[in-house]
Amino acid sequence: NAGDKWWPFLGAVYVVQAIKRVKGMRLIGPA
């Protein structure tokens, strides 16, 4: 708990999440 509050960037392990984006792609809905 102290690490999350005072030195969050010094954790020994990390988890990173990312989403694949496609340029020029648009969601199509009802007209």
PDB file of all heavy atoms in Angstrom:
ATOM      1  N   ASN A   1       0.825  -1.211   0.000  1.00  0.00           N
ATOM      2  CA  ASN A   1       0.000   0.000   0.000  1.00  0.00           C
ATOM      3  C   ASN A   1       0.854   1.253   0.000  1.00  0.00           C
ATOM      4  O   ASN A   1       0.513   2.248  -0.661  1.00  0.00           O
ATOM      5  CB  ASN A   1      -0.924  -0.002   1.216  1.00  0.00           C
ATOM      6  CG  ASN A   1      -1.953  -1.116   1.154  1.00  0.00           C
ATOM      7  OD1 ASN A   1      -2.349  -1.548   0.062  1.00  0.00           O
ATOM      8  ND2 ASN A   1      -2.390  -1.591   2.306  1.00  0.00           N
ATOM      9  N   ALA A   2       1.962   1.227   0.738  1.00  0.00           N
ATOM     10  CA  ALA A   2       2.840   2.399   0.764  1.00  0.00           C
ATOM     11  C   ALA A   2       3.461   2.647  -0.601  1.00  0.00           C
ATOM     12  O   ALA A   2       3.608   3.786  -1.040  1.00  0.00           O
ATOM     13  CB  ALA A   2       3.932   2.209   1.820  1.00  0.00           C
ATOM     14  N   GLY A   3       3.837   1.578  -1.306  1.00  0.00           N
ATOM     15  CA  GLY A   3       4.447   1.739  -2.622  1.00  0.00           C
ATOM     16  C   GLY A   3       3.498   2.329  -3.634  1.00  0.00           C
ATOM     17  O   GLY A   3       3.884   3.186  -4.435  1.00  0.00           O
ATOM     18  N   ASP A   4       2.251   1.884  -3.624  1.00  0.00           N
ATOM     19  CA  ASP A   4       1.264   2.441  -4.552  1.00  0.00           C
ATOM     20  C   ASP A   4       1.072   3.934  -4.333  1.00  0.00           C
ATOM     21  O   ASP A   4       0.742   4.673  -5.267  1.00  0.00           O
ATOM     22  CB  ASP A   4      -0.079   1.721  -4.379  1.00  0.00           C
ATOM     23  CG  ASP A   4      -0.072   0.337  -5.018  1.00  0.00           C
ATOM     24  OD1 ASP A   4       0.726   0.123  -5.945  1.00  0.00           O
ATOM     25  OD2 ASP A   4      -0.854  -0.524  -4.574  1.00  0.00           O
ATOM     26  N   LYS A   5       1.283   4.388  -3.111  1.00  0.00           N
ATOM     27  CA  LYS A   5       1.039   5.797  -2.788  1.00  0.00           C
ATOM     28  C   LYS A   5       2.276   6.656  -2.950  1.00  0.00           C
ATOM     29  O   LYS A   5       2.197   7.772  -3.475  1.00  0.00           O
ATOM     30  CB  LYS A   5       0.515   5.901  -1.348  1.00  0.00           C
ATOM     31  CG  LYS A   5       0.159   7.316  -0.927  1.00  0.00           C
ATOM     32  CD  LYS A   5      -0.426   7.337   0.477  1.00  0.00           C
ATOM     33  CE  LYS A   5      -0.810   8.756   0.890  1.00  0.00           C
ATOM     34  NZ  LYS A   5      -1.375   8.784   2.272  1.00  0.00           N
ATOM     35  N   TRP A   6       3.447   6.156  -2.534  1.00  0.00           N
ATOM     36  CA  TRP A   6       4.613   7.016  -2.440  1.00  0.00           C
ATOM     37  C   TRP A   6       5.663   6.760  -3.520  1.00  0.00           C
ATOM     38  O   TRP A   6       6.364   7.691  -3.909  1.00  0.00           O
ATOM     39  CB  TRP A   6       5.269   6.854  -1.062  1.00  0.00           C
ATOM     40  CG  TRP A   6       4.363   7.262   0.068  1.00  0.00           C
ATOM     41  CD1 TRP A   6       3.739   6.449   0.968  1.00  0.00           C
ATOM     42  CD2 TRP A   6       3.950   8.596   0.400  1.00  0.00           C
ATOM     43  NE1 TRP A   6       2.982   7.174   1.840  1.00  0.00           N
ATOM     44  CE2 TRP A   6       3.088   8.507   1.520  1.00  0.00           C
ATOM     45  CE3 TRP A   6       4.231   9.859  -0.134  1.00  0.00           C
ATOM     46  CZ2 TRP A   6       2.501   9.622   2.102  1.00  0.00           C
ATOM     47  CZ3 TRP A   6       3.645  10.977   0.455  1.00  0.00           C
ATOM     48  CH2 TRP A   6       2.805  10.849   1.554  1.00  0.00           C
ATOM     49  N   TRP A   7       5.814   5.529  -3.974  1.00  0.00           N
ATOM     50  CA  TRP A   7       6.804   5.277  -5.030  1.00  0.00           C
ATOM     51  C   TRP A   7       6.239   4.287  -6.050  1.00  0.00           C
ATOM     52  O   TRP A   7       6.701   3.172  -6.193  1.00  0.00           O
ATOM     53  CB  TRP A   7       8.137   4.780  -4.429  1.00  0.00           C
ATOM     54  CG  TRP A   7       8.021   3.630  -3.466  1.00  0.00           C
ATOM     55  CD1 TRP A   7       8.014   2.302  -3.761  1.00  0.00           C
ATOM     56  CD2 TRP A   7       7.922   3.712  -2.044  1.00  0.00           C
ATOM     57  NE1 TRP A   7       7.901   1.547  -2.635  1.00  0.00           N
ATOM     58  CE2 TRP A   7       7.852   2.380  -1.555  1.00  0.00           C
ATOM     59  CE3 TRP A   7       7.882   4.769  -1.135  1.00  0.00           C
ATOM     60  CZ2 TRP A   7       7.740   2.101  -0.193  1.00  0.00           C
ATOM     61  CZ3 TRP A   7       7.765   4.471   0.213  1.00  0.00           C
ATOM     62  CH2 TRP A   7       7.707   3.158   0.661  1.00  0.00           C
ATOM     63  N   PRO A   8       5.195   4.682  -6.776  1.00  0.00           N
ATOM     64  CA  PRO A   8       4.479   3.757  -7.653  1.00  0.00           C
ATOM     65  C   PRO A   8       5.299   3.246  -8.826  1.00  0.00           C
ATOM     66  O   PRO A   8       4.935   2.237  -9.431  1.00  0.00           O
ATOM     67  CB  PRO A   8       3.281   4.580  -8.131  1.00  0.00           C
ATOM     68  CG  PRO A   8       3.726   6.002  -8.009  1.00  0.00           C
ATOM     69  CD  PRO A   8       4.620   6.051  -6.808  1.00  0.00           C
ATOM     70  N   PHE A   9       6.380   3.935  -9.189  1.00  0.00           N
ATOM     71  CA  PHE A   9       7.164   3.517 -10.354  1.00  0.00           C
ATOM     72  C   PHE A   9       8.290   2.544  -9.992  1.00  0.00           C
ATOM     73  O   PHE A   9       9.070   2.172 -10.863  1.00  0.00           O
ATOM     74  CB  PHE A   9       7.752   4.748 -11.058  1.00  0.00           C
ATOM     75  CG  PHE A   9       6.704   5.681 -11.580  1.00  0.00           C
ATOM     76  CD1 PHE A   9       6.423   6.876 -10.937  1.00  0.00           C
ATOM     77  CD2 PHE A   9       5.988   5.363 -12.722  1.00  0.00           C
ATOM     78  CE1 PHE A   9       5.449   7.734 -11.414  1.00  0.00           C
ATOM     79  CE2 PHE A   9       5.013   6.204 -13.207  1.00  0.00           C
ATOM     80  CZ  PHE A   9       4.736   7.401 -12.550  1.00  0.00           C
ATOM     81  N   LEU A  10       8.375   2.148  -8.729  1.00  0.00           N
ATOM     82  CA  LEU A  10       9.454   1.268  -8.288  1.00  0.00           C
ATOM     83  C   LEU A  10       8.970  -0.150  -7.996  1.00  0.00           C
ATOM     84  O   LEU A  10       9.671  -0.915  -7.345  1.00  0.00           O
ATOM     85  CB  LEU A  10      10.138   1.858  -7.048  1.00  0.00           C
ATOM     86  CG  LEU A  10      10.832   3.207  -7.247  1.00  0.00           C
ATOM     87  CD1 LEU A  10      11.460   3.679  -5.937  1.00  0.00           C
ATOM     88  CD2 LEU A  10      11.887   3.128  -8.341  1.00  0.00           C
ATOM     89  N   GLY A  11       7.799  -0.505  -8.483  1.00  0.00           N
ATOM     90  CA  GLY A  11       7.312  -1.863  -8.303  1.00  0.00           C
ATOM     91  C   GLY A  11       8.167  -2.850  -9.071  1.00  0.00           C
ATOM     92  O   GLY A  11       8.653  -2.573 -10.167  1.00  0.00           O
ATOM     93  N   ALA A  12       8.361  -4.036  -8.517  1.00  0.00           N
ATOM     94  CA  ALA A  12       9.222  -5.028  -9.148  1.00  0.00           C
ATOM     95  C   ALA A  12       8.580  -5.642 -10.393  1.00  0.00           C
ATOM     96  O   ALA A  12       9.277  -6.108 -11.295  1.00  0.00           O
ATOM     97  CB  ALA A  12       9.568  -6.125  -8.151  1.00  0.00           C
ATOM     98  N   VAL A  13       7.246  -5.651 -10.464  1.00  0.00           N
ATOM     99  CA  VAL A  13       6.530  -6.285 -11.563  1.00  0.00           C
ATOM    100  C   VAL A  13       5.487  -5.305 -12.091  1.00  0.00           C
ATOM    101  O   VAL A  13       4.914  -4.518 -11.327  1.00  0.00           O
ATOM    102  CB  VAL A  13       5.851  -7.594 -11.105  1.00  0.00           C
ATOM    103  CG1 VAL A  13       5.229  -8.328 -12.283  1.00  0.00           C
ATOM    104  CG2 VAL A  13       6.840  -8.494 -10.385  1.00  0.00           C
ATOM    105  N   TYR A  14       5.248  -5.362 -13.402  1.00  0.00           N
ATOM    106  CA  TYR A  14       4.248  -4.481 -14.002  1.00  0.00           C
ATOM    107  C   TYR A  14       3.354  -5.266 -14.946  1.00  0.00           C
ATOM    108  O   TYR A  14       3.691  -6.351 -15.424  1.00  0.00           O
ATOM    109  CB  TYR A  14       4.908  -3.327 -14.765  1.00  0.00           C
ATOM    110  CG  TYR A  14       5.767  -3.752 -15.936  1.00  0.00           C
ATOM    111  CD1 TYR A  14       5.214  -4.026 -17.189  1.00  0.00           C
ATOM    112  CD2 TYR A  14       7.151  -3.890 -15.794  1.00  0.00           C
ATOM    113  CE1 TYR A  14       6.006  -4.414 -18.260  1.00  0.00           C
ATOM    114  CE2 TYR A  14       7.941  -4.281 -16.858  1.00  0.00           C
ATOM    115  CZ  TYR A  14       7.365  -4.532 -18.087  1.00  0.00           C
ATOM    116  OH  TYR A  14       8.152  -4.931 -19.135  1.00  0.00           O
ATOM    117  N   VAL A  15       2.186  -4.683 -15.208  1.00  0.00           N
ATOM    118  CA  VAL A  15       1.245  -5.199 -16.204  1.00  0.00           C
ATOM    119  C   VAL A  15       0.815  -4.019 -17.067  1.00  0.00           C
ATOM    120  O   VAL A  15       0.361  -2.997 -16.546  1.00  0.00           O
ATOM    121  CB  VAL A  15       0.022  -5.856 -15.538  1.00  0.00           C
ATOM    122  CG1 VAL A  15      -1.024  -6.225 -16.595  1.00  0.00           C
ATOM    123  CG2 VAL A  15       0.424  -7.099 -14.767  1.00  0.00           C
ATOM    124  N   VAL A  16       0.967  -4.157 -18.375  1.00  0.00           N
ATOM    125  CA  VAL A  16       0.623  -3.105 -19.332  1.00  0.00           C
ATOM    126  C   VAL A  16      -0.460  -3.631 -20.274  1.00  0.00           C
ATOM    127  O   VAL A  16      -0.376  -4.763 -20.753  1.00  0.00           O
ATOM    128  CB  VAL A  16       1.857  -2.654 -20.144  1.00  0.00           C
ATOM    129  CG1 VAL A  16       1.458  -1.700 -21.267  1.00  0.00           C
ATOM    130  CG2 VAL A  16       2.878  -1.987 -19.222  1.00  0.00           C
ATOM    131  N   GLN A  17      -1.458  -2.807 -20.525  1.00  0.00           N
ATOM    132  CA  GLN A  17      -2.565  -3.171 -21.405  1.00  0.00           C
ATOM    133  C   GLN A  17      -2.625  -2.210 -22.581  1.00  0.00           C
ATOM    134  O   GLN A  17      -2.431  -1.004 -22.418  1.00  0.00           O
ATOM    135  CB  GLN A  17      -3.887  -3.133 -20.627  1.00  0.00           C
ATOM    136  CG  GLN A  17      -5.109  -3.551 -21.415  1.00  0.00           C
ATOM    137  CD  GLN A  17      -6.371  -3.512 -20.546  1.00  0.00           C
ATOM    138  OE1 GLN A  17      -6.364  -2.968 -19.445  1.00  0.00           O
ATOM    139  NE2 GLN A  17      -7.446  -4.092 -21.043  1.00  0.00           N
ATOM    140  N   ALA A  18      -2.888  -2.718 -23.782  1.00  0.00           N
ATOM    141  CA  ALA A  18      -2.950  -1.877 -24.973  1.00  0.00           C
ATOM    142  C   ALA A  18      -4.040  -2.385 -25.902  1.00  0.00           C
ATOM    143  O   ALA A  18      -4.393  -3.572 -25.896  1.00  0.00           O
ATOM    144  CB  ALA A  18      -1.601  -1.855 -25.697  1.00  0.00           C
ATOM    145  N   ILE A  19      -4.564  -1.478 -26.735  1.00  0.00           N
ATOM    146  CA  ILE A  19      -5.636  -1.782 -27.681  1.00  0.00           C
ATOM    147  C   ILE A  19      -5.139  -1.510 -29.091  1.00  0.00           C
ATOM    148  O   ILE A  19      -4.497  -0.488 -29.350  1.00  0.00           O
ATOM    149  CB  ILE A  19      -6.884  -0.926 -27.391  1.00  0.00           C
ATOM    150  CG1 ILE A  19      -7.370  -1.163 -25.961  1.00  0.00           C
ATOM    151  CG2 ILE A  19      -7.999  -1.238 -28.387  1.00  0.00           C
ATOM    152  CD1 ILE A  19      -8.536  -0.269 -25.563  1.00  0.00           C
ATOM    153  N   LYS A  20      -5.437  -2.405 -29.997  1.00  0.00           N
ATOM    154  CA  LYS A  20      -5.053  -2.238 -31.397  1.00  0.00           C
ATOM    155  C   LYS A  20      -6.005  -1.269 -32.075  1.00  0.00           C
ATOM    156  O   LYS A  20      -7.204  -1.516 -32.175  1.00  0.00           O
ATOM    157  CB  LYS A  20      -5.074  -3.589 -32.122  1.00  0.00           C
ATOM    158  CG  LYS A  20      -4.770  -3.494 -33.615  1.00  0.00           C
ATOM    159  CD  LYS A  20      -4.824  -4.858 -34.268  1.00  0.00           C
ATOM    160  CE  LYS A  20      -4.624  -4.776 -35.769  1.00  0.00           C
ATOM    161  NZ  LYS A  20      -4.648  -6.110 -36.413  1.00  0.00           N
ATOM    162  N   ARG A  21      -5.468  -0.165 -32.547  1.00  0.00           N
ATOM    163  CA  ARG A  21      -6.261   0.821 -33.274  1.00  0.00           C
ATOM    164  C   ARG A  21      -5.919   0.751 -34.756  1.00  0.00           C
ATOM    165  O   ARG A  21      -4.756   0.584 -35.125  1.00  0.00           O
ATOM    166  CB  ARG A  21      -5.987   2.225 -32.746  1.00  0.00           C
ATOM    167  CG  ARG A  21      -6.298   2.431 -31.270  1.00  0.00           C
ATOM    168  CD  ARG A  21      -7.749   2.227 -30.943  1.00  0.00           C
ATOM    169  NE  ARG A  21      -8.062   2.668 -29.589  1.00  0.00           N
ATOM    170  CZ  ARG A  21      -9.226   2.459 -28.988  1.00  0.00           C
ATOM    171  NH1 ARG A  21     -10.185   1.799 -29.628  1.00  0.00           N
ATOM    172  NH2 ARG A  21      -9.424   2.891 -27.755  1.00  0.00           N
ATOM    173  N   VAL A  22      -6.912   0.889 -35.592  1.00  0.00           N
ATOM    174  CA  VAL A  22      -6.722   0.865 -37.036  1.00  0.00           C
ATOM    175  C   VAL A  22      -7.077   2.238 -37.583  1.00  0.00           C
ATOM    176  O   VAL A  22      -8.207   2.712 -37.426  1.00  0.00           O
ATOM    177  CB  VAL A  22      -7.589  -0.219 -37.701  1.00  0.00           C
ATOM    178  CG1 VAL A  22      -7.405  -0.198 -39.212  1.00  0.00           C
ATOM    179  CG2 VAL A  22      -7.237  -1.594 -37.149  1.00  0.00           C
ATOM    180  N   LYS A  23      -6.112   2.892 -38.210  1.00  0.00           N
ATOM    181  CA  LYS A  23      -6.331   4.231 -38.736  1.00  0.00           C
ATOM    182  C   LYS A  23      -7.344   4.196 -39.872  1.00  0.00           C
ATOM    183  O   LYS A  23      -7.334   3.302 -40.710  1.00  0.00           O
ATOM    184  CB  LYS A  23      -5.019   4.825 -39.246  1.00  0.00           C
ATOM    185  CG  LYS A  23      -4.012   5.116 -38.143  1.00  0.00           C
ATOM    186  CD  LYS A  23      -2.771   5.788 -38.699  1.00  0.00           C
ATOM    187  CE  LYS A  23      -1.786   6.124 -37.592  1.00  0.00           C
ATOM    188  NZ  LYS A  23      -0.565   6.785 -38.107  1.00  0.00           N
ATOM    189  N   GLY A  24      -8.206   5.206 -39.894  1.00  0.00           N
ATOM    190  CA  GLY A  24      -9.191   5.315 -40.958  1.00  0.00           C
ATOM    191  C   GLY A  24     -10.409   4.442 -40.767  1.00  0.00           C
ATOM    192  O   GLY A  24     -11.301   4.420 -41.605  1.00  0.00           O
ATOM    193  N   MET A  25     -10.456   3.716 -39.643  1.00  0.00           N
ATOM    194  CA  MET A  25     -11.585   2.823 -39.394  1.00  0.00           C
ATOM    195  C   MET A  25     -12.640   3.568 -38.592  1.00  0.00           C
ATOM    196  O   MET A  25     -12.341   4.236 -37.608  1.00  0.00           O
ATOM    197  CB  MET A  25     -11.127   1.585 -38.620  1.00  0.00           C
ATOM    198  CG  MET A  25     -12.228   0.585 -38.360  1.00  0.00           C
ATOM    199  SD  MET A  25     -11.593  -0.872 -37.509  1.00  0.00           S
ATOM    200  CE  MET A  25     -13.111  -1.795 -37.296  1.00  0.00           C
ATOM    201  N   ARG A  26     -13.901   3.463 -39.043  1.00  0.00           N
ATOM    202  CA  ARG A  26     -15.000   4.115 -38.360  1.00  0.00           C
ATOM    203  C   ARG A  26     -16.089   3.103 -38.075  1.00  0.00           C
ATOM    204  O   ARG A  26     -16.374   2.228 -38.891  1.00  0.00           O
ATOM    205  CB  ARG A  26     -15.580   5.255 -39.209  1.00  0.00           C
ATOM    206  CG  ARG A  26     -14.598   6.391 -39.486  1.00  0.00           C
ATOM    207  CD  ARG A  26     -15.256   7.455 -40.340  1.00  0.00           C
ATOM    208  NE  ARG A  26     -16.415   8.009 -39.693  1.00  0.00           N
ATOM    209  CZ  ARG A  26     -17.232   8.897 -40.272  1.00  0.00           C
ATOM    210  NH1 ARG A  26     -17.008   9.291 -41.508  1.00  0.00           N
ATOM    211  NH2 ARG A  26     -18.283   9.370 -39.638  1.00  0.00           N
ATOM    212  N   LEU A  27     -16.703   3.236 -36.893  1.00  0.00           N
ATOM    213  CA  LEU A  27     -17.823   2.370 -36.557  1.00  0.00           C
ATOM    214  C   LEU A  27     -19.052   2.850 -37.306  1.00  0.00           C
ATOM    215  O   LEU A  27     -19.385   4.035 -37.309  1.00  0.00           O
ATOM    216  CB  LEU A  27     -18.074   2.397 -35.046  1.00  0.00           C
ATOM    217  CG  LEU A  27     -16.934   1.847 -34.177  1.00  0.00           C
ATOM    218  CD1 LEU A  27     -17.299   1.972 -32.700  1.00  0.00           C
ATOM    219  CD2 LEU A  27     -16.664   0.388 -34.523  1.00  0.00           C
ATOM    220  N   ILE A  28     -19.734   1.923 -37.973  1.00  0.00           N
ATOM    221  CA  ILE A  28     -20.891   2.268 -38.785  1.00  0.00           C
ATOM    222  C   ILE A  28     -22.153   1.913 -38.022  1.00  0.00           C
ATOM    223  O   ILE A  28     -22.328   0.788 -37.566  1.00  0.00           O
ATOM    224  CB  ILE A  28     -20.862   1.520 -40.137  1.00  0.00           C
ATOM    225  CG1 ILE A  28     -19.576   1.894 -40.893  1.00  0.00           C
ATOM    226  CG2 ILE A  28     -22.097   1.837 -40.956  1.00  0.00           C
ATOM    227  CD1 ILE A  28     -19.409   1.136 -42.184  1.00  0.00           C
ATOM    228  N   GLY A  29     -23.036   2.869 -37.902  1.00  0.00           N
ATOM    229  CA  GLY A  29     -24.301   2.642 -37.213  1.00  0.00           C
ATOM    230  C   GLY A  29     -25.469   2.958 -38.114  1.00  0.00           C
ATOM    231  O   GLY A  29     -25.314   3.179 -39.321  1.00  0.00           O
ATOM    232  N   PRO A  30     -26.670   2.970 -37.557  1.00  0.00           N
ATOM    233  CA  PRO A  30     -27.849   3.289 -38.369  1.00  0.00           C
ATOM    234  C   PRO A  30     -27.760   4.683 -38.948  1.00  0.00           C
ATOM    235  O   PRO A  30     -27.247   5.607 -38.323  1.00  0.00           O
ATOM    236  CB  PRO A  30     -29.016   3.161 -37.372  1.00  0.00           C
ATOM    237  CG  PRO A  30     -28.470   2.343 -36.250  1.00  0.00           C
ATOM    238  CD  PRO A  30     -27.010   2.646 -36.176  1.00  0.00           C
ATOM    239  N   ALA A  31     -28.234   4.840 -40.151  1.00  0.00           N
ATOM    240  CA  ALA A  31     -28.202   6.143 -40.830  1.00  0.00           C
ATOM    241  C   ALA A  31     -29.406   6.958 -40.388  1.00  0.00           C
ATOM    242  O   ALA A  31     -30.420   7.068 -41.090  1.00  0.00           O
ATOM    243  CB  ALA A  31     -28.192   5.947 -42.340  1.00  0.00           C
TER     244      ALA A  31
END
